[in-house]
Structures are given as C-alpha cells and as structure tokens.
PDB file of N, CA and C in Angstrom:
ATOM      1  N   MET A   1     262.417  20.326 182.510  1.00  0.00           N
ATOM      2  CA  MET A   1     261.375  19.568 182.191  1.00  0.00           C
ATOM      3  C   MET A   1     261.431  19.178 183.382  1.00  0.00           C
ATOM      4  N   THR A   2     259.899  19.236 184.166  1.00  0.00           N
ATOM      5  CA  THR A   2     259.588  18.385 185.342  1.00  0.00           C
ATOM      6  C   THR A   2     259.423  16.761 185.786  1.00  0.00           C
ATOM      7  N   LYS A   3     259.953  16.310 186.757  1.00  0.00           N
ATOM      8  CA  LYS A   3     258.935  14.788 186.471  1.00  0.00           C
ATOM      9  C   LYS A   3     258.022  14.482 186.971  1.00  0.00           C
ATOM     10  N   ALA A   4     257.670  13.609 186.314  1.00  0.00           N
ATOM     11  CA  ALA A   4     255.888  13.462 186.251  1.00  0.00           C
ATOM     12  C   ALA A   4     255.526  12.961 188.023  1.00  0.00           C
ATOM     13  N   ALA A   5     254.146  12.874 188.215  1.00  0.00           N
ATOM     14  CA  ALA A   5     253.888  12.329 189.798  1.00  0.00           C
ATOM     15  C   ALA A   5     253.994  10.763 189.728  1.00  0.00           C
ATOM     16  N   ILE A   6     254.009  10.444 188.611  1.00  0.00           N
ATOM     17  CA  ILE A   6     254.069   8.536 188.274  1.00  0.00           C
ATOM     18  C   ILE A   6     255.586   7.941 187.624  1.00  0.00           C
ATOM     19  N   THR A   7     256.502   7.893 188.073  1.00  0.00           N
ATOM     20  CA  THR A   7     257.466   7.011 186.866  1.00  0.00           C
ATOM     21  C   THR A   7     257.847   5.747 186.904  1.00  0.00           C
ATOM     22  N   THR A   8     259.129   5.169 186.410  1.00  0.00           N
ATOM     23  CA  THR A   8     259.359   4.088 186.164  1.00  0.00           C
ATOM     24  C   THR A   8     260.632   3.535 185.742  1.00  0.00           C
ATOM     25  N   HIS A   9     260.904   2.702 186.288  1.00  0.00           N
ATOM     26  CA  HIS A   9     262.118   1.887 185.858  1.00  0.00           C
ATOM     27  C   HIS A   9     262.751   0.589 185.590  1.00  0.00           C
ATOM     28  N   ILE A  10     262.636   0.343 184.627  1.00  0.00           N
ATOM     29  CA  ILE A  10     262.750  -1.276 183.769  1.00  0.00           C
ATOM     30  C   ILE A  10     263.995  -2.062 184.063  1.00  0.00           C
ATOM     31  N   LEU A  11     264.252  -2.771 184.712  1.00  0.00           N
ATOM     32  CA  LEU A  11     265.445  -3.253 184.852  1.00  0.00           C
ATOM     33  C   LEU A  11     265.962  -4.638 184.014  1.00  0.00           C
ATOM     34  N   ASP A  12     266.502  -5.102 183.237  1.00  0.00           N
ATOM     35  CA  ASP A  12     266.478  -6.333 182.785  1.00  0.00           C
ATOM     36  C   ASP A  12     267.183  -7.416 183.695  1.00  0.00           C
ATOM     37  N   LEU A  13     266.921  -8.198 184.364  1.00  0.00           N
ATOM     38  CA  LEU A  13     268.128  -9.105 185.115  1.00  0.00           C
ATOM     39  C   LEU A  13     268.710 -10.106 184.581  1.00  0.00           C
ATOM     40  N   GLU A  14     268.028 -10.434 183.444  1.00  0.00           N
ATOM     41  CA  GLU A  14     268.784 -11.357 183.002  1.00  0.00           C
ATOM     42  C   GLU A  14     270.126 -10.645 181.946  1.00  0.00           C
ATOM     43  N   SER A  15     270.035  -9.515 181.455  1.00  0.00           N
ATOM     44  CA  SER A  15     271.261  -9.086 180.827  1.00  0.00           C
ATOM     45  C   SER A  15     271.971  -8.236 181.711  1.00  0.00           C
ATOM     46  N   GLY A  16     271.243  -7.666 182.620  1.00  0.00           N
ATOM     47  CA  GLY A  16     271.827  -6.645 183.582  1.00  0.00           C
ATOM     48  C   GLY A  16     271.880  -5.393 183.205  1.00  0.00           C
ATOM     49  N   GLU A  17     270.808  -4.809 182.107  1.00  0.00           N
ATOM     50  CA  GLU A  17     270.784  -3.403 181.394  1.00  0.00           C
ATOM     51  C   GLU A  17     269.793  -3.141 181.631  1.00  0.00           C
ATOM     52  N   PRO A  18     269.645  -1.747 181.627  1.00  0.00           N
ATOM     53  CA  PRO A  18     267.952  -1.263 181.632  1.00  0.00           C
ATOM     54  C   PRO A  18     267.132  -1.734 180.209  1.00  0.00           C
ATOM     55  N   ALA A  19     265.741  -1.832 180.348  1.00  0.00           N
ATOM     56  CA  ALA A  19     265.013  -2.067 179.275  1.00  0.00           C
ATOM     57  C   ALA A  19     264.542  -1.428 178.591  1.00  0.00           C
ATOM     58  N   SER A  20     265.136  -0.727 177.596  1.00  0.00           N
ATOM     59  CA  SER A  20     264.762   0.126 176.983  1.00  0.00           C
ATOM     60  C   SER A  20     263.789  -0.229 176.123  1.00  0.00           C
ATOM     61  N   GLY A  21     262.602   0.835 175.265  1.00  0.00           N
ATOM     62  CA  GLY A  21     261.889   0.822 174.251  1.00  0.00           C
ATOM     63  C   GLY A  21     260.891  -0.116 174.588  1.00  0.00           C
ATOM     64  N   VAL A  22     260.539  -0.235 176.066  1.00  0.00           N
ATOM     65  CA  VAL A  22     259.163  -1.376 176.556  1.00  0.00           C
ATOM     66  C   VAL A  22     257.804  -0.091 176.432  1.00  0.00           C
ATOM     67  N   LEU A  23     256.997  -0.591 175.666  1.00  0.00           N
ATOM     68  CA  LEU A  23     255.449   0.258 175.745  1.00  0.00           C
ATOM     69  C   LEU A  23     254.986   0.213 177.257  1.00  0.00           C
ATOM     70  N   VAL A  24     254.534   1.691 177.873  1.00  0.00           N
ATOM     71  CA  VAL A  24     253.956   1.058 178.961  1.00  0.00           C
ATOM     72  C   VAL A  24     252.587   2.208 179.006  1.00  0.00           C
ATOM     73  N   THR A  25     251.319   1.506 179.297  1.00  0.00           N
ATOM     74  CA  THR A  25     250.294   2.205 179.738  1.00  0.00           C
ATOM     75  C   THR A  25     249.991   2.367 180.554  1.00  0.00           C
ATOM     76  N   LEU A  26     249.806   3.958 181.599  1.00  0.00           N
ATOM     77  CA  LEU A  26     249.082   3.597 182.859  1.00  0.00           C
ATOM     78  C   LEU A  26     247.766   4.243 182.753  1.00  0.00           C
ATOM     79  N   GLN A  27     246.985   3.675 183.201  1.00  0.00           N
ATOM     80  CA  GLN A  27     245.436   4.089 183.450  1.00  0.00           C
ATOM     81  C   GLN A  27     245.407   4.218 185.036  1.00  0.00           C
ATOM     82  N   CYS A  28     244.533   5.668 184.550  1.00  0.00           N
ATOM     83  CA  CYS A  28     244.547   6.604 185.511  1.00  0.00           C
ATOM     84  C   CYS A  28     242.858   6.048 186.474  1.00  0.00           C
ATOM     85  N   PRO A  29     242.838   6.796 187.500  1.00  0.00           N
ATOM     86  CA  PRO A  29     241.365   6.588 187.960  1.00  0.00           C
ATOM     87  C   PRO A  29     240.155   7.564 187.031  1.00  0.00           C
ATOM     88  N   LEU A  30     239.029   6.650 186.984  1.00  0.00           N
ATOM     89  CA  LEU A  30     238.093   7.345 186.535  1.00  0.00           C
ATOM     90  C   LEU A  30     238.687   7.074 184.574  1.00  0.00           C
ATOM     91  N   GLY A  31     239.347   6.182 184.790  1.00  0.00           N
ATOM     92  CA  GLY A  31     240.060   5.470 183.478  1.00  0.00           C
ATOM     93  C   GLY A  31     240.160   6.354 182.230  1.00  0.00           C
ATOM     94  N   ARG A  32     241.145   7.112 182.290  1.00  0.00           N
ATOM     95  CA  ARG A  32     242.117   7.958 181.667  1.00  0.00           C
ATOM     96  C   ARG A  32     243.390   6.909 181.244  1.00  0.00           C
ATOM     97  N   LYS A  33     243.678   6.909 180.329  1.00  0.00           N
ATOM     98  CA  LYS A  33     245.085   6.194 179.868  1.00  0.00           C
ATOM     99  C   LYS A  33     245.998   7.062 179.402  1.00  0.00           C
ATOM    100  N   VAL A  34     247.495   7.059 179.518  1.00  0.00           N
ATOM    101  CA  VAL A  34     248.108   8.075 178.630  1.00  0.00           C
ATOM    102  C   VAL A  34     249.529   6.300 178.473  1.00  0.00           C
ATOM    103  N   GLN A  35     250.311   6.986 177.875  1.00  0.00           N
ATOM    104  CA  GLN A  35     251.146   6.390 177.337  1.00  0.00           C
ATOM    105  C   GLN A  35     252.581   6.639 177.422  1.00  0.00           C
ATOM    106  N   ALA A  36     253.806   5.763 177.643  1.00  0.00           N
ATOM    107  CA  ALA A  36     255.202   6.239 177.163  1.00  0.00           C
ATOM    108  C   ALA A  36     256.108   4.760 176.700  1.00  0.00           C
ATOM    109  N   THR A  37     256.793   5.267 176.581  1.00  0.00           N
ATOM    110  CA  THR A  37     258.157   4.067 176.023  1.00  0.00           C
ATOM    111  C   THR A  37     259.205   3.973 176.794  1.00  0.00           C
ATOM    112  N   THR A  38     260.004   3.534 177.344  1.00  0.00           N
ATOM    113  CA  THR A  38     261.096   3.473 178.632  1.00  0.00           C
ATOM    114  C   THR A  38     262.227   3.888 177.340  1.00  0.00           C
ATOM    115  N   ASP A  39     262.970   4.903 177.954  1.00  0.00           N
ATOM    116  CA  ASP A  39     264.805   5.448 177.420  1.00  0.00           C
ATOM    117  C   ASP A  39     265.306   4.543 177.236  1.00  0.00           C
ATOM    118  N   ALA A  40     266.874   4.792 176.942  1.00  0.00           N
ATOM    119  CA  ALA A  40     267.912   4.123 176.981  1.00  0.00           C
ATOM    120  C   ALA A  40     268.058   3.648 178.162  1.00  0.00           C
ATOM    121  N   ASP A  41     267.548   4.396 179.295  1.00  0.00           N
ATOM    122  CA  ASP A  41     268.066   4.219 180.509  1.00  0.00           C
ATOM    123  C   ASP A  41     267.013   3.043 181.398  1.00  0.00           C
ATOM    124  N   GLY A  42     266.120   3.113 180.592  1.00  0.00           N
ATOM    125  CA  GLY A  42     264.922   2.083 180.884  1.00  0.00           C
ATOM    126  C   GLY A  42     263.548   2.746 181.801  1.00  0.00           C
ATOM    127  N   ARG A  43     263.941   4.296 181.730  1.00  0.00           N
ATOM    128  CA  ARG A  43     263.479   4.881 182.621  1.00  0.00           C
ATOM    129  C   ARG A  43     262.039   5.670 181.940  1.00  0.00           C
ATOM    130  N   ILE A  44     260.805   6.169 182.413  1.00  0.00           N
ATOM    131  CA  ILE A  44     259.668   6.614 182.200  1.00  0.00           C
ATOM    132  C   ILE A  44     259.829   7.699 182.899  1.00  0.00           C
ATOM    133  N   THR A  45     259.824   9.229 182.613  1.00  0.00           N
ATOM    134  CA  THR A  45     259.950   9.958 183.622  1.00  0.00           C
ATOM    135  C   THR A  45     258.776  10.980 183.261  1.00  0.00           C
ATOM    136  N   ASN A  46     257.900  11.101 182.108  1.00  0.00           N
ATOM    137  CA  ASN A  46     257.531  11.914 181.411  1.00  0.00           C
ATOM    138  C   ASN A  46     256.315  11.189 180.243  1.00  0.00           C
ATOM    139  N   TRP A  47     255.282  11.285 180.765  1.00  0.00           N
ATOM    140  CA  TRP A  47     253.796  10.490 179.961  1.00  0.00           C
ATOM    141  C   TRP A  47     253.670  11.376 178.777  1.00  0.00           C
ATOM    142  N   GLN A  48     252.848  11.083 177.676  1.00  0.00           N
ATOM    143  CA  GLN A  48     252.371  11.805 176.598  1.00  0.00           C
ATOM    144  C   GLN A  48     251.892  12.939 176.680  1.00  0.00           C
ATOM    145  N   ASP A  49     250.514  12.503 177.819  1.00  0.00           N
ATOM    146  CA  ASP A  49     250.292  13.873 178.370  1.00  0.00           C
ATOM    147  C   ASP A  49     250.614  13.653 179.763  1.00  0.00           C
ATOM    148  N   PRO A  50     250.558  15.246 180.657  1.00  0.00           N
ATOM    149  CA  PRO A  50     250.786  15.384 182.016  1.00  0.00           C
ATOM    150  C   PRO A  50     249.554  14.305 182.783  1.00  0.00           C
ATOM    151  N   VAL A  51     250.048  14.019 183.601  1.00  0.00           N
ATOM    152  CA  VAL A  51     249.423  13.292 184.537  1.00  0.00           C
ATOM    153  C   VAL A  51     249.604  13.964 185.857  1.00  0.00           C
ATOM    154  N   GLU A  52     248.263  14.397 186.212  1.00  0.00           N
ATOM    155  CA  GLU A  52     248.061  15.092 187.735  1.00  0.00           C
ATOM    156  C   GLU A  52     247.579  13.911 188.761  1.00  0.00           C
ATOM    157  N   LEU A  53     248.356  13.666 189.390  1.00  0.00           N
ATOM    158  CA  LEU A  53     248.088  12.822 190.852  1.00  0.00           C
ATOM    159  C   LEU A  53     246.782  13.353 191.175  1.00  0.00           C
ATOM    160  N   THR A  54     246.229  12.204 191.546  1.00  0.00           N
ATOM    161  CA  THR A  54     244.391  12.097 192.398  1.00  0.00           C
ATOM    162  C   THR A  54     244.329  10.755 193.227  1.00  0.00           C
ATOM    163  N   LYS A  55     243.813  10.941 194.149  1.00  0.00           N
ATOM    164  CA  LYS A  55     243.620   9.529 194.915  1.00  0.00           C
ATOM    165  C   LYS A  55     242.470   8.810 194.466  1.00  0.00           C
ATOM    166  N   GLY A  56     243.158   7.572 194.408  1.00  0.00           N
ATOM    167  CA  GLY A  56     242.675   6.432 193.588  1.00  0.00           C
ATOM    168  C   GLY A  56     243.395   5.058 192.996  1.00  0.00           C
ATOM    169  N   HIS A  57     242.882   4.594 192.468  1.00  0.00           N
ATOM    170  CA  HIS A  57     243.837   3.018 191.700  1.00  0.00           C
ATOM    171  C   HIS A  57     244.282   3.169 190.443  1.00  0.00           C
ATOM    172  N   TYR A  58     245.336   2.872 190.218  1.00  0.00           N
ATOM    173  CA  TYR A  58     246.251   2.999 189.326  1.00  0.00           C
ATOM    174  C   TYR A  58     246.318   1.699 188.821  1.00  0.00           C
ATOM    175  N   GLN A  59     246.807   1.428 187.319  1.00  0.00           N
ATOM    176  CA  GLN A  59     247.452  -0.019 186.780  1.00  0.00           C
ATOM    177  C   GLN A  59     248.550   0.333 185.960  1.00  0.00           C
ATOM    178  N   MET A  60     249.429  -0.146 185.536  1.00  0.00           N
ATOM    179  CA  MET A  60     250.830   0.557 184.753  1.00  0.00           C
ATOM    180  C   MET A  60     251.186  -0.967 184.071  1.00  0.00           C
ATOM    181  N   SER A  61     250.375  -0.811 183.006  1.00  0.00           N
ATOM    182  CA  SER A  61     250.649  -2.192 182.112  1.00  0.00           C
ATOM    183  C   SER A  61     252.196  -2.279 181.380  1.00  0.00           C
ATOM    184  N   PHE A  62     253.240  -2.828 181.613  1.00  0.00           N
ATOM    185  CA  PHE A  62     253.914  -3.313 181.130  1.00  0.00           C
ATOM    186  C   PHE A  62     254.183  -3.888 179.604  1.00  0.00           C
ATOM    187  N   LYS A  63     254.167  -3.529 178.254  1.00  0.00           N
ATOM    188  CA  LYS A  63     254.207  -5.000 177.151  1.00  0.00           C
ATOM    189  C   LYS A  63     255.716  -5.170 176.696  1.00  0.00           C
ATOM    190  N   VAL A  64     255.882  -6.228 177.854  1.00  0.00           N
ATOM    191  CA  VAL A  64     257.256  -6.828 177.608  1.00  0.00           C
ATOM    192  C   VAL A  64     257.551  -7.845 176.353  1.00  0.00           C
ATOM    193  N   GLY A  65     256.488  -8.207 175.788  1.00  0.00           N
ATOM    194  CA  GLY A  65     256.673  -9.362 174.580  1.00  0.00           C
ATOM    195  C   GLY A  65     257.751  -8.616 173.858  1.00  0.00           C
ATOM    196  N   PRO A  66     257.364  -8.090 173.024  1.00  0.00           N
ATOM    197  CA  PRO A  66     257.771  -7.362 172.093  1.00  0.00           C
ATOM    198  C   PRO A  66     259.261  -6.769 172.440  1.00  0.00           C
ATOM    199  N   TYR A  67     259.763  -6.703 173.797  1.00  0.00           N
ATOM    200  CA  TYR A  67     261.066  -6.334 174.103  1.00  0.00           C
ATOM    201  C   TYR A  67     261.608  -7.701 174.060  1.00  0.00           C
ATOM    202  N   PHE A  68     261.328  -8.656 174.623  1.00  0.00           N
ATOM    203  CA  PHE A  68     262.054  -9.925 174.454  1.00  0.00           C
ATOM    204  C   PHE A  68     262.135 -10.615 173.155  1.00  0.00           C
ATOM    205  N   LEU A  69     260.907 -10.510 172.471  1.00  0.00           N
ATOM    206  CA  LEU A  69     261.164 -10.802 171.102  1.00  0.00           C
ATOM    207  C   LEU A  69     262.667  -9.850 169.976  1.00  0.00           C
ATOM    208  N   ALA A  70     262.417  -8.880 170.080  1.00  0.00           N
ATOM    209  CA  ALA A  70     263.599  -8.253 169.787  1.00  0.00           C
ATOM    210  C   ALA A  70     264.869  -8.810 169.941  1.00  0.00           C
ATOM    211  N   ARG A  71     264.982  -9.301 171.211  1.00  0.00           N
ATOM    212  CA  ARG A  71     266.141  -9.672 171.833  1.00  0.00           C
ATOM    213  C   ARG A  71     266.406 -10.864 171.185  1.00  0.00           C
ATOM    214  N   GLY A  72     265.385 -11.928 171.022  1.00  0.00           N
ATOM    215  CA  GLY A  72     265.774 -12.718 170.089  1.00  0.00           C
ATOM    216  C   GLY A  72     265.382 -13.812 171.707  1.00  0.00           C
ATOM    217  N   VAL A  73     265.112 -13.420 172.693  1.00  0.00           N
ATOM    218  CA  VAL A  73     265.005 -14.346 174.123  1.00  0.00           C
ATOM    219  C   VAL A  73     263.191 -14.720 174.300  1.00  0.00           C
ATOM    220  N   GLU A  74     263.068 -15.622 174.473  1.00  0.00           N
ATOM    221  CA  GLU A  74     261.631 -16.744 174.781  1.00  0.00           C
ATOM    222  C   GLU A  74     261.037 -16.256 176.325  1.00  0.00           C
ATOM    223  N   THR A  75     260.247 -15.906 176.399  1.00  0.00           N
ATOM    224  CA  THR A  75     259.593 -15.316 177.502  1.00  0.00           C
ATOM    225  C   THR A  75     258.324 -15.957 177.827  1.00  0.00           C
ATOM    226  N   PHE A  76     257.363 -15.792 179.355  1.00  0.00           N
ATOM    227  CA  PHE A  76     256.560 -16.281 179.320  1.00  0.00           C
ATOM    228  C   PHE A  76     255.681 -15.450 179.489  1.00  0.00           C
ATOM    229  N   TYR A  77     256.071 -13.312 179.423  1.00  0.00           N
ATOM    230  CA  TYR A  77     255.033 -12.809 179.587  1.00  0.00           C
ATOM    231  C   TYR A  77     254.555 -12.244 178.235  1.00  0.00           C
ATOM    232  N   ASP A  78     253.749 -11.580 178.246  1.00  0.00           N
ATOM    233  CA  ASP A  78     253.648 -10.503 176.650  1.00  0.00           C
ATOM    234  C   ASP A  78     253.605  -9.157 177.492  1.00  0.00           C
ATOM    235  N   GLU A  79     252.698  -9.282 178.840  1.00  0.00           N
ATOM    236  CA  GLU A  79     252.199  -7.974 179.417  1.00  0.00           C
ATOM    237  C   GLU A  79     252.385  -8.178 181.051  1.00  0.00           C
ATOM    238  N   ILE A  80     252.761  -7.052 181.453  1.00  0.00           N
ATOM    239  CA  ILE A  80     252.477  -7.262 182.550  1.00  0.00           C
ATOM    240  C   ILE A  80     252.174  -6.316 183.560  1.00  0.00           C
ATOM    241  N   PRO A  81     250.717  -6.624 184.045  1.00  0.00           N
ATOM    242  CA  PRO A  81     250.121  -5.344 184.968  1.00  0.00           C
ATOM    243  C   PRO A  81     250.465  -5.283 186.137  1.00  0.00           C
ATOM    244  N   VAL A  82     250.285  -3.968 187.057  1.00  0.00           N
ATOM    245  CA  VAL A  82     251.016  -3.809 187.976  1.00  0.00           C
ATOM    246  C   VAL A  82     250.017  -2.546 188.991  1.00  0.00           C
ATOM    247  N   GLN A  83     249.443  -3.530 189.811  1.00  0.00           N
ATOM    248  CA  GLN A  83     247.915  -2.457 190.213  1.00  0.00           C
ATOM    249  C   GLN A  83     248.391  -1.722 191.469  1.00  0.00           C
ATOM    250  N   PHE A  84     248.122  -0.461 191.461  1.00  0.00           N
ATOM    251  CA  PHE A  84     248.487   0.277 193.238  1.00  0.00           C
ATOM    252  C   PHE A  84     247.270   1.494 192.790  1.00  0.00           C
ATOM    253  N   ARG A  85     247.559   1.813 194.239  1.00  0.00           N
ATOM    254  CA  ARG A  85     246.500   2.702 194.823  1.00  0.00           C
ATOM    255  C   ARG A  85     247.490   3.905 195.409  1.00  0.00           C
ATOM    256  N   THR A  86     247.045   5.132 195.252  1.00  0.00           N
ATOM    257  CA  THR A  86     247.863   6.703 195.919  1.00  0.00           C
ATOM    258  C   THR A  86     246.828   7.194 196.837  1.00  0.00           C
ATOM    259  N   ASP A  87     247.166   7.868 197.586  1.00  0.00           N
ATOM    260  CA  ASP A  87     246.479   9.142 198.094  1.00  0.00           C
ATOM    261  C   ASP A  87     247.267  10.267 198.119  1.00  0.00           C
ATOM    262  N   THR A  88     246.938  11.419 198.290  1.00  0.00           N
ATOM    263  CA  THR A  88     247.756  12.735 197.740  1.00  0.00           C
ATOM    264  C   THR A  88     248.244  13.265 198.695  1.00  0.00           C
ATOM    265  N   ALA A  89     248.961  12.129 199.872  1.00  0.00           N
ATOM    266  CA  ALA A  89     249.770  12.506 200.736  1.00  0.00           C
ATOM    267  C   ALA A  89     251.251  12.734 199.742  1.00  0.00           C
ATOM    268  N   ARG A  90     251.411  11.906 198.972  1.00  0.00           N
ATOM    269  CA  ARG A  90     252.733  11.659 198.322  1.00  0.00           C
ATOM    270  C   ARG A  90     252.851  13.209 196.953  1.00  0.00           C
ATOM    271  N   ALA A  91     253.415  13.371 196.660  1.00  0.00           N
ATOM    272  CA  ALA A  91     253.880  14.328 195.620  1.00  0.00           C
ATOM    273  C   ALA A  91     254.197  13.418 194.019  1.00  0.00           C
ATOM    274  N   HIS A  92     255.219  12.086 194.784  1.00  0.00           N
ATOM    275  CA  HIS A  92     256.079  11.827 193.533  1.00  0.00           C
ATOM    276  C   HIS A  92     255.393  10.023 193.847  1.00  0.00           C
ATOM    277  N   TYR A  93     255.462   9.014 192.946  1.00  0.00           N
ATOM    278  CA  TYR A  93     254.989   7.764 193.289  1.00  0.00           C
ATOM    279  C   TYR A  93     256.249   7.298 191.853  1.00  0.00           C
ATOM    280  N   HIS A  94     256.980   5.937 192.566  1.00  0.00           N
ATOM    281  CA  HIS A  94     258.186   5.492 191.629  1.00  0.00           C
ATOM    282  C   HIS A  94     257.320   4.045 191.577  1.00  0.00           C
ATOM    283  N   VAL A  95     257.793   3.281 190.657  1.00  0.00           N
ATOM    284  CA  VAL A  95     257.111   1.976 190.395  1.00  0.00           C
ATOM    285  C   VAL A  95     257.862   1.389 189.709  1.00  0.00           C
ATOM    286  N   PRO A  96     259.097   0.557 190.258  1.00  0.00           N
ATOM    287  CA  PRO A  96     260.192   0.031 189.737  1.00  0.00           C
ATOM    288  C   PRO A  96     259.682  -1.207 189.464  1.00  0.00           C
ATOM    289  N   LEU A  97     260.533  -1.870 187.727  1.00  0.00           N
ATOM    290  CA  LEU A  97     260.097  -3.228 187.346  1.00  0.00           C
ATOM    291  C   LEU A  97     261.522  -3.855 187.228  1.00  0.00           C
ATOM    292  N   LEU A  98     261.459  -4.744 188.189  1.00  0.00           N
ATOM    293  CA  LEU A  98     263.125  -5.914 188.056  1.00  0.00           C
ATOM    294  C   LEU A  98     262.091  -6.910 186.976  1.00  0.00           C
ATOM    295  N   LEU A  99     262.738  -7.528 185.645  1.00  0.00           N
ATOM    296  CA  LEU A  99     262.210  -8.151 184.988  1.00  0.00           C
ATOM    297  C   LEU A  99     263.263  -9.167 184.596  1.00  0.00           C
ATOM    298  N   SER A 100     262.747 -10.328 183.741  1.00  0.00           N
ATOM    299  CA  SER A 100     263.254 -11.693 183.802  1.00  0.00           C
ATOM    300  C   SER A 100     262.411 -12.365 182.468  1.00  0.00           C
ATOM    301  N   PRO A 101     262.758 -13.123 181.559  1.00  0.00           N
ATOM    302  CA  PRO A 101     261.843 -13.296 180.824  1.00  0.00           C
ATOM    303  C   PRO A 101     261.047 -14.754 181.690  1.00  0.00           C
ATOM    304  N   PHE A 102     261.088 -14.967 182.722  1.00  0.00           N
ATOM    305  CA  PHE A 102     259.977 -16.118 183.467  1.00  0.00           C
ATOM    306  C   PHE A 102     259.600 -15.630 184.928  1.00  0.00           C
ATOM    307  N   GLY A 103     259.987 -14.301 184.976  1.00  0.00           N
ATOM    308  CA  GLY A 103     259.587 -13.805 186.447  1.00  0.00           C
ATOM    309  C   GLY A 103     259.624 -12.303 186.345  1.00  0.00           C
ATOM    310  N   TYR A 104     259.350 -11.608 187.417  1.00  0.00           N
ATOM    311  CA  TYR A 104     259.406 -10.388 187.771  1.00  0.00           C
ATOM    312  C   TYR A 104     258.970  -9.665 189.368  1.00  0.00           C
ATOM    313  N   SER A 105     259.535  -8.679 189.606  1.00  0.00           N
ATOM    314  CA  SER A 105     259.107  -8.313 190.761  1.00  0.00           C
ATOM    315  C   SER A 105     258.961  -6.997 190.499  1.00  0.00           C
ATOM    316  N   THR A 106     258.677  -6.229 191.328  1.00  0.00           N
ATOM    317  CA  THR A 106     257.823  -4.514 191.788  1.00  0.00           C
ATOM    318  C   THR A 106     257.652  -4.522 192.977  1.00  0.00           C
ATOM    319  N   TYR A 107     258.226  -3.072 193.434  1.00  0.00           N
ATOM    320  CA  TYR A 107     257.905  -2.306 194.441  1.00  0.00           C
ATOM    321  C   TYR A 107     257.248  -1.142 194.146  1.00  0.00           C
ATOM    322  N   ARG A 108     257.142  -0.329 195.615  1.00  0.00           N
ATOM    323  CA  ARG A 108     256.736   1.107 195.829  1.00  0.00           C
ATOM    324  C   ARG A 108     258.361   1.653 196.250  1.00  0.00           C
ATOM    325  N   GLY A 109     258.920   2.644 194.750  1.00  0.00           N
ATOM    326  CA  GLY A 109     260.321   3.310 194.802  1.00  0.00           C
ATOM    327  C   GLY A 109     260.357   4.658 195.037  1.00  0.00           C
ATOM    328  N   SER A 110     261.670   4.851 195.386  1.00  0.00           N
ATOM    329  CA  SER A 110     261.682   6.580 195.806  1.00  0.00           C
ATOM    330  C   SER A 110     261.528   7.346 194.668  1.00  0.00           C
TER     331      SER A 110
END
C-alpha cells in the first residue's frame, strides 16, 4: 500500500504514547472531505478514499474530545482544526500533532 499524499501522526505528550483511535477529517480544496482514524501508532497513512494532492487550502480536524474522555482525562479541547495550504511542488505533506489535554502544537513534518 502506498502512502497518502497527506499524512498525520498524533503523539499524546501527557502519556508519552501515540494517540490511537482519534477520528480525523481532512477537508480538501473544493469542499471534498475524507476521514480516517489513527492506528495503534497514532498515524494515518491512508484515508477512507484516496486523496489526490492539488494546490489549495486544506483543513485537518482532529476529534480529540472522545479520545480524552475514553482515557478519563479532562480536556479543554473537543476538536482541533489545523488549516494549511499546499502547492504541487511536493509529493507528500505530513502534518503531525503534539497533544496534551490543555495545549497542542503542530508543524509541517517530513
């Protein structure tokens, strides 16, 4: 299986473990949406439907509320939206999320 054009990885900074079972929605240019759930390693390398990389604005929404609820951890966030743009010069974009119950960080990974 080939890696998707846009991938993510969530690390829970409080537990020091990957955040598995988090539903993520990717909104593509022109409004198309796809979803996937992070695997045991906290990664999404493939979406429910293939994503063809196009130039434009994207939003990745991480539904973290249920993840923390399942762990019995109070959180400030229910959903974390991350907006970014792409150009067609790259074949792959990786958008990691470093997560804690009361803060988060994201960056363009490799």
